Amino acid sequence: TDNLLHRRRQLICISELADAGICTLLHLSAVMLADWSFWRDFLDAVPTVRYVAKEFQTGNKNRTEGRKAIDRLSGIQDQLKRSLHPVVIGAGQFVEELASRFAMFTLIDSNPFTKAWQRKEFDLSAGKQPWRSRRLPKGTPIDDLLRHNVEAYSEWIEQRLRAGRGSHT
């Protein structure tokens, strides 16, 4: 029942924001098949909605559950016979799967910031454990480390994106 209450609240708020001229984004809070069916029917009834959000930082962080969520979102896109543009939060591990299913998607990932705050630097040459500890003198701002992490992490995501699209086109 909590999901139903949250969904109702979200739809009311989105309606009020849209009426005020504010651009909104639907968050597809879906766990059960009935939830996914609701969102499919909703998106079918509102064909102007193309952008949808899905979060992958909690339950969908698990590889199996995350892939199920991508499968279901892709299935909705197929049933609607129109492109969706998912805004995926914390889905860096699923870039290849997303690239193979969606013409476009937006990834929001706090890893570069969180790791910089923890004084860790992204180093792709480190293999499967690309976050290395980086000592900084006490009081040193993390600005340069954050800039490096954002740039290096973005480059790595782009490489994987190209590989994902290339292997599934």
Foldseek 3Di string as FASTA:
>chain_A
DVVVVVQVVVVVVCVVCVVVVHDDAAEQPDDDPVSLVVVLVVCLVVVVAAEHEYECPPPNVPPVNVVVVLVSVLVSCVVSVHAHAYEYEQVLVCLLVNLLRHVHYHYHYCVLVVLLVVQWAAQVVVPPPRTHHHDDPPPDDSVVRSVRSVVVSVVVSVVSSVVSNVVRD
